[in-house]
Amino acid sequence: MELFEAMYTTRAMRRVKPDPIADEVLGRIFDAAVRGPSGGNSHTFRFITVTDKATMAALKPIYHDAYWELQETSYKDLRDRYEAADPDDPTLAQSRRISRSAEDFIDNFEAHPMLIFVFGKERGESTTFPVLWNLCLAARAEGLGTFITTLLKLRKREVEELLGMPEGFWHMHAMIPIGYPTGRWGVAPREPAQQFVFSERWGVPAGWVAAPNWEEPQNYGRTD
């Protein structure tokens, strides 16, 4: 797969098939992942892959509780606003879609063939997140959908105990559910890049206009 196609179409995929992932595919994905930049080239990251349905069943209520804690605290104002708004209000359509997708993931938590947990040193996400993004891009090239969630850090100790983590150096940084998606690939909507970039000082617009590196063909990613 061409680089920019992978970058432009590696979007969050929360709805997947239960089909298992072959060992040779996993080998290629993780080999690409560990090539990511690592602070001091020290490789301070470790993974645990979870396929056991009993472990997933134990994780599901932990994830559920963490999700709703977040909805009732950090996201409460947004949820109150779109629950009180016109259901057809286009300004809130994206938030509603994301919420429906996130809640569908919780309902079908065990349907994922694999959950990938990444660990690193405390506050060492500058090393683990480049590795995670390499993993997501490699998964995309293999036709696998992913998304990165840090939600379980709200229940970090419970999860680490469930996964048999020793106390000490290693800390859970994130989880990546992975599987073959039921939906279509495509480019997630974004505003023009220059709207996010200042030049020399805060608030000074960039002097260039972004040009797409890859254009989505008609009917791209259709599964029918």
Protein backbone atom coordinates (compact mmCIF):
# COMPACT_ATOMS: atom_id res chain seq x y z
CA MET A 1 0.00 0.00 0.00
CA GLU A 2 1.25 3.46 -0.91
CA LEU A 3 2.36 5.50 2.11
CA PHE A 4 -0.07 8.41 1.79
CA GLU A 5 -3.02 6.12 1.16
CA ALA A 6 -2.26 4.38 4.45
CA MET A 7 -1.86 7.69 6.29
CA TYR A 8 -5.06 9.19 4.91
CA THR A 9 -7.27 6.11 5.41
CA THR A 10 -6.08 4.78 8.78
CA ARG A 11 -9.13 5.94 10.68
CA ALA A 12 -10.67 4.61 13.91
CA MET A 13 -12.43 1.30 13.17
CA ARG A 14 -14.48 0.11 16.17
CA ARG A 15 -16.79 -2.38 14.43
CA VAL A 16 -15.00 -5.54 13.33
CA LYS A 17 -15.55 -9.18 12.44
CA PRO A 18 -14.63 -11.93 14.92
CA ASP A 19 -12.26 -13.56 12.39
CA PRO A 20 -8.90 -14.49 13.97
CA ILE A 21 -5.69 -12.81 12.82
CA ALA A 22 -3.04 -15.15 11.43
CA ASP A 23 0.31 -15.37 13.21
CA GLU A 24 2.23 -14.37 10.07
CA VAL A 25 0.12 -11.20 9.79
CA LEU A 26 0.74 -10.35 13.43
CA GLY A 27 4.46 -10.94 12.90
CA ARG A 28 4.55 -8.40 10.08
CA ILE A 29 2.52 -5.84 12.03
CA PHE A 30 4.66 -6.00 15.16
CA ASP A 31 7.89 -5.98 13.16
CA ALA A 32 6.74 -2.69 11.61
CA ALA A 33 5.61 -1.37 15.00
CA VAL A 34 8.98 -1.79 16.73
CA ARG A 35 10.64 0.28 13.97
CA GLY A 36 8.98 3.38 15.42
CA PRO A 37 11.17 6.12 16.95
CA SER A 38 12.24 5.29 20.50
CA GLY A 39 13.70 7.76 22.99
CA GLY A 40 17.41 7.02 23.30
CA ASN A 41 16.82 4.03 20.99
CA SER A 42 16.10 2.18 24.24
CA HIS A 43 12.94 0.32 23.13
CA THR A 44 11.14 1.01 26.39
CA PHE A 45 7.87 -0.57 25.30
CA ARG A 46 6.24 -3.95 25.77
CA PHE A 47 2.99 -5.42 24.45
CA ILE A 48 0.44 -7.92 25.71
CA THR A 49 -1.97 -9.38 23.15
CA VAL A 50 -5.28 -10.64 24.54
CA THR A 51 -7.50 -13.09 22.64
CA ASP A 52 -8.97 -14.99 25.61
CA LYS A 53 -12.71 -14.30 25.80
CA ALA A 54 -12.80 -14.74 29.58
CA THR A 55 -10.18 -12.01 29.98
CA MET A 56 -12.12 -9.77 27.60
CA ALA A 57 -15.31 -10.43 29.57
CA ALA A 58 -13.50 -9.31 32.73
CA LEU A 59 -12.18 -6.18 30.98
CA LYS A 60 -15.55 -5.20 29.52
CA PRO A 61 -17.18 -3.83 32.72
CA ILE A 62 -13.94 -2.02 33.60
CA TYR A 63 -13.96 -0.30 30.21
CA HIS A 64 -17.72 0.38 30.51
CA ASP A 65 -17.31 2.09 33.90
CA ALA A 66 -14.32 4.14 32.72
CA TYR A 67 -16.22 5.27 29.62
CA TRP A 68 -19.26 6.44 31.57
CA GLU A 69 -17.10 8.13 34.21
CA LEU A 70 -15.58 10.19 31.41
CA GLN A 71 -19.00 10.95 29.90
CA GLU A 72 -20.27 12.17 33.26
CA THR A 73 -17.23 14.36 33.96
CA SER A 74 -15.02 15.67 31.13
CA TYR A 75 -17.65 15.21 28.40
CA LYS A 76 -20.75 16.05 30.42
CA ASP A 77 -21.31 19.52 28.93
CA LEU A 78 -21.04 18.18 25.38
CA ARG A 79 -23.40 15.27 26.07
CA ASP A 80 -25.94 17.55 27.75
CA ARG A 81 -25.78 19.89 24.77
CA TYR A 82 -26.37 17.32 22.07
CA GLU A 83 -28.97 15.40 24.06
CA ALA A 84 -30.98 18.62 24.40
CA ALA A 85 -30.40 19.73 20.80
CA ASP A 86 -32.35 19.05 17.64
CA PRO A 87 -31.51 15.46 16.53
CA ASP A 88 -30.91 16.82 13.03
CA ASP A 89 -28.50 19.57 14.11
CA PRO A 90 -25.56 19.11 11.69
CA THR A 91 -23.05 20.73 14.05
CA LEU A 92 -23.43 17.81 16.46
CA ALA A 93 -23.69 14.98 13.94
CA GLN A 94 -20.02 14.02 14.21
CA SER A 95 -20.15 13.89 18.03
CA ARG A 96 -23.23 11.67 17.88
CA ARG A 97 -21.58 9.31 15.39
CA ILE A 98 -18.48 8.99 17.56
CA SER A 99 -20.59 8.34 20.68
CA ARG A 100 -22.66 5.68 18.90
CA SER A 101 -19.50 4.01 17.63
CA ALA A 102 -17.84 4.09 21.07
CA GLU A 103 -20.92 2.67 22.78
CA ASP A 104 -21.29 -0.02 20.11
CA PHE A 105 -17.69 -1.03 20.85
CA ILE A 106 -18.55 -1.44 24.54
CA ASP A 107 -21.63 -3.52 23.74
CA ASN A 108 -19.60 -5.80 21.47
CA PHE A 109 -16.32 -5.68 23.38
CA GLU A 110 -15.64 -9.43 23.17
CA ALA A 111 -16.36 -9.51 19.43
CA HIS A 112 -12.86 -8.20 18.71
CA PRO A 113 -10.48 -11.06 17.92
CA MET A 114 -7.64 -9.30 19.76
CA LEU A 115 -6.87 -6.47 22.15
CA ILE A 116 -3.32 -5.12 22.23
CA PHE A 117 -2.01 -3.43 25.37
CA VAL A 118 1.15 -1.35 25.31
CA PHE A 119 3.34 -0.60 28.31
CA GLY A 120 6.21 1.80 28.83
CA LYS A 121 7.95 3.76 31.53
CA GLU A 122 5.90 6.22 33.55
CA ARG A 123 5.21 9.35 31.44
CA GLY A 124 7.08 7.68 28.57
CA GLU A 125 4.36 8.01 25.93
CA SER A 126 6.74 9.91 23.62
CA THR A 127 8.29 6.51 22.92
CA THR A 128 5.22 4.28 22.89
CA PHE A 129 2.93 6.41 20.71
CA PRO A 130 5.16 6.48 17.61
CA VAL A 131 5.34 2.70 17.95
CA LEU A 132 1.54 2.48 18.25
CA TRP A 133 1.02 4.59 15.15
CA ASN A 134 3.42 2.38 13.19
CA LEU A 135 1.33 -0.57 14.37
CA CYS A 136 -1.90 1.08 13.18
CA LEU A 137 -0.43 1.90 9.76
CA ALA A 138 0.92 -1.63 9.35
CA ALA A 139 -2.46 -3.05 10.36
CA ARG A 140 -4.13 -0.85 7.73
CA ALA A 141 -1.80 -2.25 5.07
CA GLU A 142 -2.96 -5.74 6.12
CA GLY A 143 -6.64 -4.76 5.88
CA LEU A 144 -7.08 -4.61 9.66
CA GLY A 145 -8.87 -1.84 11.53
CA THR A 146 -7.63 -0.37 14.80
CA PHE A 147 -8.09 2.51 17.18
CA ILE A 148 -6.01 3.77 20.08
CA THR A 149 -7.71 4.28 23.44
CA THR A 150 -6.20 5.48 26.70
CA LEU A 151 -9.53 5.22 28.51
CA LEU A 152 -8.48 2.29 30.68
CA LYS A 153 -5.85 4.44 32.35
CA LEU A 154 -8.77 5.59 34.51
CA ARG A 155 -8.78 2.01 35.86
CA LYS A 156 -5.08 1.37 35.36
CA ARG A 157 -4.41 -0.67 38.49
CA GLU A 158 -7.38 -3.00 37.91
CA VAL A 159 -6.28 -3.69 34.35
CA GLU A 160 -2.63 -4.23 35.25
CA GLU A 161 -3.60 -6.70 37.97
CA LEU A 162 -5.92 -8.55 35.60
CA LEU A 163 -3.10 -8.86 33.06
CA GLY A 164 -0.61 -10.07 35.65
CA MET A 165 1.61 -6.99 35.49
CA PRO A 166 4.32 -6.72 38.15
CA GLU A 167 4.59 -3.44 40.04
CA GLY A 168 7.56 -1.29 39.21
CA PHE A 169 8.98 0.10 35.97
CA TRP A 170 6.24 -0.77 33.45
CA HIS A 171 2.99 1.17 33.18
CA MET A 172 0.01 0.68 30.86
CA HIS A 173 -0.14 3.46 28.27
CA ALA A 174 -2.93 2.42 25.91
CA MET A 175 -5.02 -0.33 24.36
CA ILE A 176 -5.54 -1.03 20.64
CA PRO A 177 -8.48 -3.24 19.61
CA ILE A 178 -7.74 -4.83 16.23
CA GLY A 179 -9.77 -6.81 13.69
CA TYR A 180 -11.07 -6.96 10.14
CA PRO A 181 -13.59 -4.10 9.86
CA THR A 182 -17.23 -4.46 8.87
CA GLY A 183 -17.33 -0.91 7.48
CA ARG A 184 -15.57 0.89 4.64
CA TRP A 185 -12.19 2.52 4.53
CA GLY A 186 -12.13 6.20 3.72
CA VAL A 187 -10.67 9.59 4.54
CA ALA A 188 -11.84 11.11 7.82
CA PRO A 189 -13.07 14.71 7.44
CA ARG A 190 -10.50 17.38 8.29
CA GLU A 191 -10.31 21.14 7.95
CA PRO A 192 -7.48 22.49 5.73
CA ALA A 193 -4.11 21.93 7.40
CA GLN A 194 -3.11 25.61 7.32
CA GLN A 195 -5.90 26.35 9.81
CA PHE A 196 -3.92 24.48 12.46
CA VAL A 197 -0.51 26.03 11.80
CA PHE A 198 0.91 29.39 12.93
CA SER A 199 4.12 30.97 11.64
CA GLU A 200 6.81 32.23 14.05
CA ARG A 201 4.30 33.48 16.68
CA TRP A 202 0.95 32.30 18.03
CA GLY A 203 -1.91 33.54 15.90
CA VAL A 204 0.17 34.45 12.82
CA PRO A 205 -1.21 32.45 9.85
CA ALA A 206 1.00 30.17 7.81
CA GLY A 207 1.98 31.58 4.43
CA TRP A 208 1.08 28.46 2.46
CA VAL A 209 -2.02 26.50 1.49
CA ALA A 210 -2.14 22.73 1.99
CA ALA A 211 -2.49 20.45 -1.01
CA PRO A 212 -3.73 16.85 -0.52
CA ASN A 213 -1.13 14.14 -1.01
CA TRP A 214 -3.77 11.55 -1.86
CA GLU A 215 -7.33 11.76 -3.19
CA GLU A 216 -9.97 9.19 -2.29
CA PRO A 217 -11.29 7.47 -5.45
CA GLN A 218 -15.02 7.12 -5.99
CA ASN A 219 -16.54 4.15 -4.09
CA TYR A 220 -13.22 3.66 -2.27
CA GLY A 221 -13.33 1.01 0.44
CA ARG A 222 -16.76 -0.40 -0.43
CA THR A 223 -17.30 -3.88 0.94
CA ASP A 224 -20.37 -4.84 -1.15
